[in-house]
């Protein structure tokens, strides 16, 4: 019999580190909502949705733009993981074997 254990750890951070983490979370949430809006617009226009590779290309373009240059402050790995999560959420939404499928939602 296989026994799995989970451990929870709480980081003791100072105010500066908390602000940085909040900033990273905000950037990831912004990218999630932006890419979700792009894919939902494509769905309503009856085009195919963008997968992770294409969304990653667009996130790099967003970083280079003057309007979304603030995305450079966040580590690229965090943004890439959010795009992978969004891609998985879309693939789960269209998976016929899952009974409670739904489209991904915007983050608050």
C-alpha atoms as a PDB file:
ATOM      1  CA  UNK A   1       0.000   0.000   0.000  1.00  0.00           C
ATOM      2  CA  UNK A   2       1.301   3.419  -1.023  1.00  0.00           C
ATOM      3  CA  UNK A   3       0.989   6.195   1.541  1.00  0.00           C
ATOM      4  CA  UNK A   4       1.235   9.755   0.310  1.00  0.00           C
ATOM      5  CA  UNK A   5       1.938  12.625   2.645  1.00  0.00           C
ATOM      6  CA  UNK A   6       1.583  16.321   2.071  1.00  0.00           C
ATOM      7  CA  UNK A   7       3.254  19.104   3.966  1.00  0.00           C
ATOM      8  CA  UNK A   8       2.285  22.755   4.172  1.00  0.00           C
ATOM      9  CA  UNK A   9       4.847  25.450   4.744  1.00  0.00           C
ATOM     10  CA  UNK A  10       4.292  29.111   5.396  1.00  0.00           C
ATOM     11  CA  UNK A  11       6.920  31.566   4.279  1.00  0.00           C
ATOM     12  CA  UNK A  12       7.816  34.271   6.741  1.00  0.00           C
ATOM     13  CA  UNK A  13       8.444  37.226   4.486  1.00  0.00           C
ATOM     14  CA  UNK A  14       8.826  40.921   5.092  1.00  0.00           C
ATOM     15  CA  UNK A  15       6.715  43.704   3.554  1.00  0.00           C
ATOM     16  CA  UNK A  16       8.982  44.226   0.558  1.00  0.00           C
ATOM     17  CA  UNK A  17       8.908  40.558  -0.393  1.00  0.00           C
ATOM     18  CA  UNK A  18       5.131  40.468   0.066  1.00  0.00           C
ATOM     19  CA  UNK A  19       4.773  43.423  -2.315  1.00  0.00           C
ATOM     20  CA  UNK A  20       6.961  41.681  -4.874  1.00  0.00           C
ATOM     21  CA  UNK A  21       4.891  38.471  -4.601  1.00  0.00           C
ATOM     22  CA  UNK A  22       1.663  40.476  -4.963  1.00  0.00           C
ATOM     23  CA  UNK A  23       3.120  42.192  -8.023  1.00  0.00           C
ATOM     24  CA  UNK A  24       4.029  38.832  -9.580  1.00  0.00           C
ATOM     25  CA  UNK A  25       0.556  37.479  -8.851  1.00  0.00           C
ATOM     26  CA  UNK A  26      -1.008  40.549 -10.456  1.00  0.00           C
ATOM     27  CA  UNK A  27       1.102  40.176 -13.586  1.00  0.00           C
ATOM     28  CA  UNK A  28       0.164  36.491 -13.883  1.00  0.00           C
ATOM     29  CA  UNK A  29      -3.517  37.303 -13.387  1.00  0.00           C
ATOM     30  CA  UNK A  30      -3.318  40.036 -16.042  1.00  0.00           C
ATOM     31  CA  UNK A  31      -1.708  37.670 -18.558  1.00  0.00           C
ATOM     32  CA  UNK A  32      -4.287  34.941 -17.806  1.00  0.00           C
ATOM     33  CA  UNK A  33      -7.185  37.357 -18.397  1.00  0.00           C
ATOM     34  CA  UNK A  34      -5.622  38.876 -21.526  1.00  0.00           C
ATOM     35  CA  UNK A  35      -4.949  35.489 -23.156  1.00  0.00           C
ATOM     36  CA  UNK A  36      -8.332  34.158 -22.061  1.00  0.00           C
ATOM     37  CA  UNK A  37     -10.009  37.159 -23.726  1.00  0.00           C
ATOM     38  CA  UNK A  38      -8.031  36.513 -26.927  1.00  0.00           C
ATOM     39  CA  UNK A  39      -9.061  32.845 -27.006  1.00  0.00           C
ATOM     40  CA  UNK A  40     -12.717  33.540 -26.182  1.00  0.00           C
ATOM     41  CA  UNK A  41     -12.890  36.145 -28.952  1.00  0.00           C
ATOM     42  CA  UNK A  42     -11.394  33.604 -31.349  1.00  0.00           C
ATOM     43  CA  UNK A  43     -13.967  31.016 -30.246  1.00  0.00           C
ATOM     44  CA  UNK A  44     -16.873  33.395 -30.820  1.00  0.00           C
ATOM     45  CA  UNK A  45     -15.510  34.178 -34.290  1.00  0.00           C
ATOM     46  CA  UNK A  46     -15.347  30.411 -34.926  1.00  0.00           C
ATOM     47  CA  UNK A  47     -11.538  30.344 -35.215  1.00  0.00           C
ATOM     48  CA  UNK A  48      -9.318  27.829 -33.497  1.00  0.00           C
ATOM     49  CA  UNK A  49      -7.965  28.766 -30.080  1.00  0.00           C
ATOM     50  CA  UNK A  50      -4.308  29.566 -29.552  1.00  0.00           C
ATOM     51  CA  UNK A  51      -2.277  26.887 -27.807  1.00  0.00           C
ATOM     52  CA  UNK A  52       0.590  27.380 -25.357  1.00  0.00           C
ATOM     53  CA  UNK A  53       3.309  27.921 -27.963  1.00  0.00           C
ATOM     54  CA  UNK A  54       1.389  30.696 -29.727  1.00  0.00           C
ATOM     55  CA  UNK A  55       0.365  32.337 -26.458  1.00  0.00           C
ATOM     56  CA  UNK A  56       3.980  32.267 -25.283  1.00  0.00           C
ATOM     57  CA  UNK A  57       4.984  34.060 -28.490  1.00  0.00           C
ATOM     58  CA  UNK A  58       2.343  36.717 -27.838  1.00  0.00           C
ATOM     59  CA  UNK A  59       3.415  37.117 -24.210  1.00  0.00           C
ATOM     60  CA  UNK A  60       6.933  37.899 -25.428  1.00  0.00           C
ATOM     61  CA  UNK A  61       5.458  40.464 -27.811  1.00  0.00           C
ATOM     62  CA  UNK A  62       3.492  41.985 -24.924  1.00  0.00           C
ATOM     63  CA  UNK A  63       6.720  42.335 -22.931  1.00  0.00           C
ATOM     64  CA  UNK A  64       8.345  44.229 -25.801  1.00  0.00           C
ATOM     65  CA  UNK A  65       5.413  46.601 -26.281  1.00  0.00           C
ATOM     66  CA  UNK A  66       5.231  49.982 -24.592  1.00  0.00           C
ATOM     67  CA  UNK A  67       1.708  49.364 -23.314  1.00  0.00           C
ATOM     68  CA  UNK A  68       2.476  46.129 -21.427  1.00  0.00           C
ATOM     69  CA  UNK A  69       6.155  46.662 -20.616  1.00  0.00           C
ATOM     70  CA  UNK A  70       5.424  46.072 -16.907  1.00  0.00           C
ATOM     71  CA  UNK A  71       5.351  42.319 -17.612  1.00  0.00           C
ATOM     72  CA  UNK A  72       9.170  42.426 -17.720  1.00  0.00           C
ATOM     73  CA  UNK A  73       9.183  42.797 -13.913  1.00  0.00           C
ATOM     74  CA  UNK A  74       7.801  39.278 -13.443  1.00  0.00           C
ATOM     75  CA  UNK A  75       9.942  36.152 -13.920  1.00  0.00           C
ATOM     76  CA  UNK A  76       9.241  34.508 -17.255  1.00  0.00           C
ATOM     77  CA  UNK A  77       8.744  31.087 -15.646  1.00  0.00           C
ATOM     78  CA  UNK A  78       5.745  32.327 -13.666  1.00  0.00           C
ATOM     79  CA  UNK A  79       4.123  33.745 -16.791  1.00  0.00           C
ATOM     80  CA  UNK A  80       4.861  30.585 -18.769  1.00  0.00           C
ATOM     81  CA  UNK A  81       3.294  28.437 -16.052  1.00  0.00           C
ATOM     82  CA  UNK A  82       0.120  30.551 -16.155  1.00  0.00           C
ATOM     83  CA  UNK A  83      -0.053  30.050 -19.914  1.00  0.00           C
ATOM     84  CA  UNK A  84       0.375  26.298 -19.455  1.00  0.00           C
ATOM     85  CA  UNK A  85      -2.420  26.335 -16.867  1.00  0.00           C
ATOM     86  CA  UNK A  86      -4.676  28.214 -19.275  1.00  0.00           C
ATOM     87  CA  UNK A  87      -3.880  25.761 -22.074  1.00  0.00           C
ATOM     88  CA  UNK A  88      -4.711  22.834 -19.799  1.00  0.00           C
ATOM     89  CA  UNK A  89      -7.950  24.527 -18.723  1.00  0.00           C
ATOM     90  CA  UNK A  90      -9.022  24.901 -22.350  1.00  0.00           C
ATOM     91  CA  UNK A  91      -8.102  21.308 -23.151  1.00  0.00           C
ATOM     92  CA  UNK A  92     -10.090  20.100 -20.131  1.00  0.00           C
ATOM     93  CA  UNK A  93     -13.055  22.222 -21.231  1.00  0.00           C
ATOM     94  CA  UNK A  94     -13.232  20.418 -24.563  1.00  0.00           C
ATOM     95  CA  UNK A  95     -12.500  16.945 -23.171  1.00  0.00           C
ATOM     96  CA  UNK A  96     -15.533  14.756 -23.748  1.00  0.00           C
ATOM     97  CA  UNK A  97     -14.641  12.323 -20.957  1.00  0.00           C
ATOM     98  CA  UNK A  98     -15.055  14.954 -18.219  1.00  0.00           C
ATOM     99  CA  UNK A  99     -18.675  15.354 -17.119  1.00  0.00           C
ATOM    100  CA  UNK A 100     -18.477  18.844 -15.569  1.00  0.00           C
ATOM    101  CA  UNK A 101     -16.625  20.636 -18.311  1.00  0.00           C
ATOM    102  CA  UNK A 102     -16.747  24.418 -18.630  1.00  0.00           C
ATOM    103  CA  UNK A 103     -14.668  27.156 -20.173  1.00  0.00           C
ATOM    104  CA  UNK A 104     -12.003  28.812 -18.018  1.00  0.00           C
ATOM    105  CA  UNK A 105     -13.058  31.928 -16.115  1.00  0.00           C
ATOM    106  CA  UNK A 106     -11.472  35.284 -15.600  1.00  0.00           C
ATOM    107  CA  UNK A 107      -9.390  35.784 -12.453  1.00  0.00           C
ATOM    108  CA  UNK A 108     -10.270  38.550  -9.996  1.00  0.00           C
END
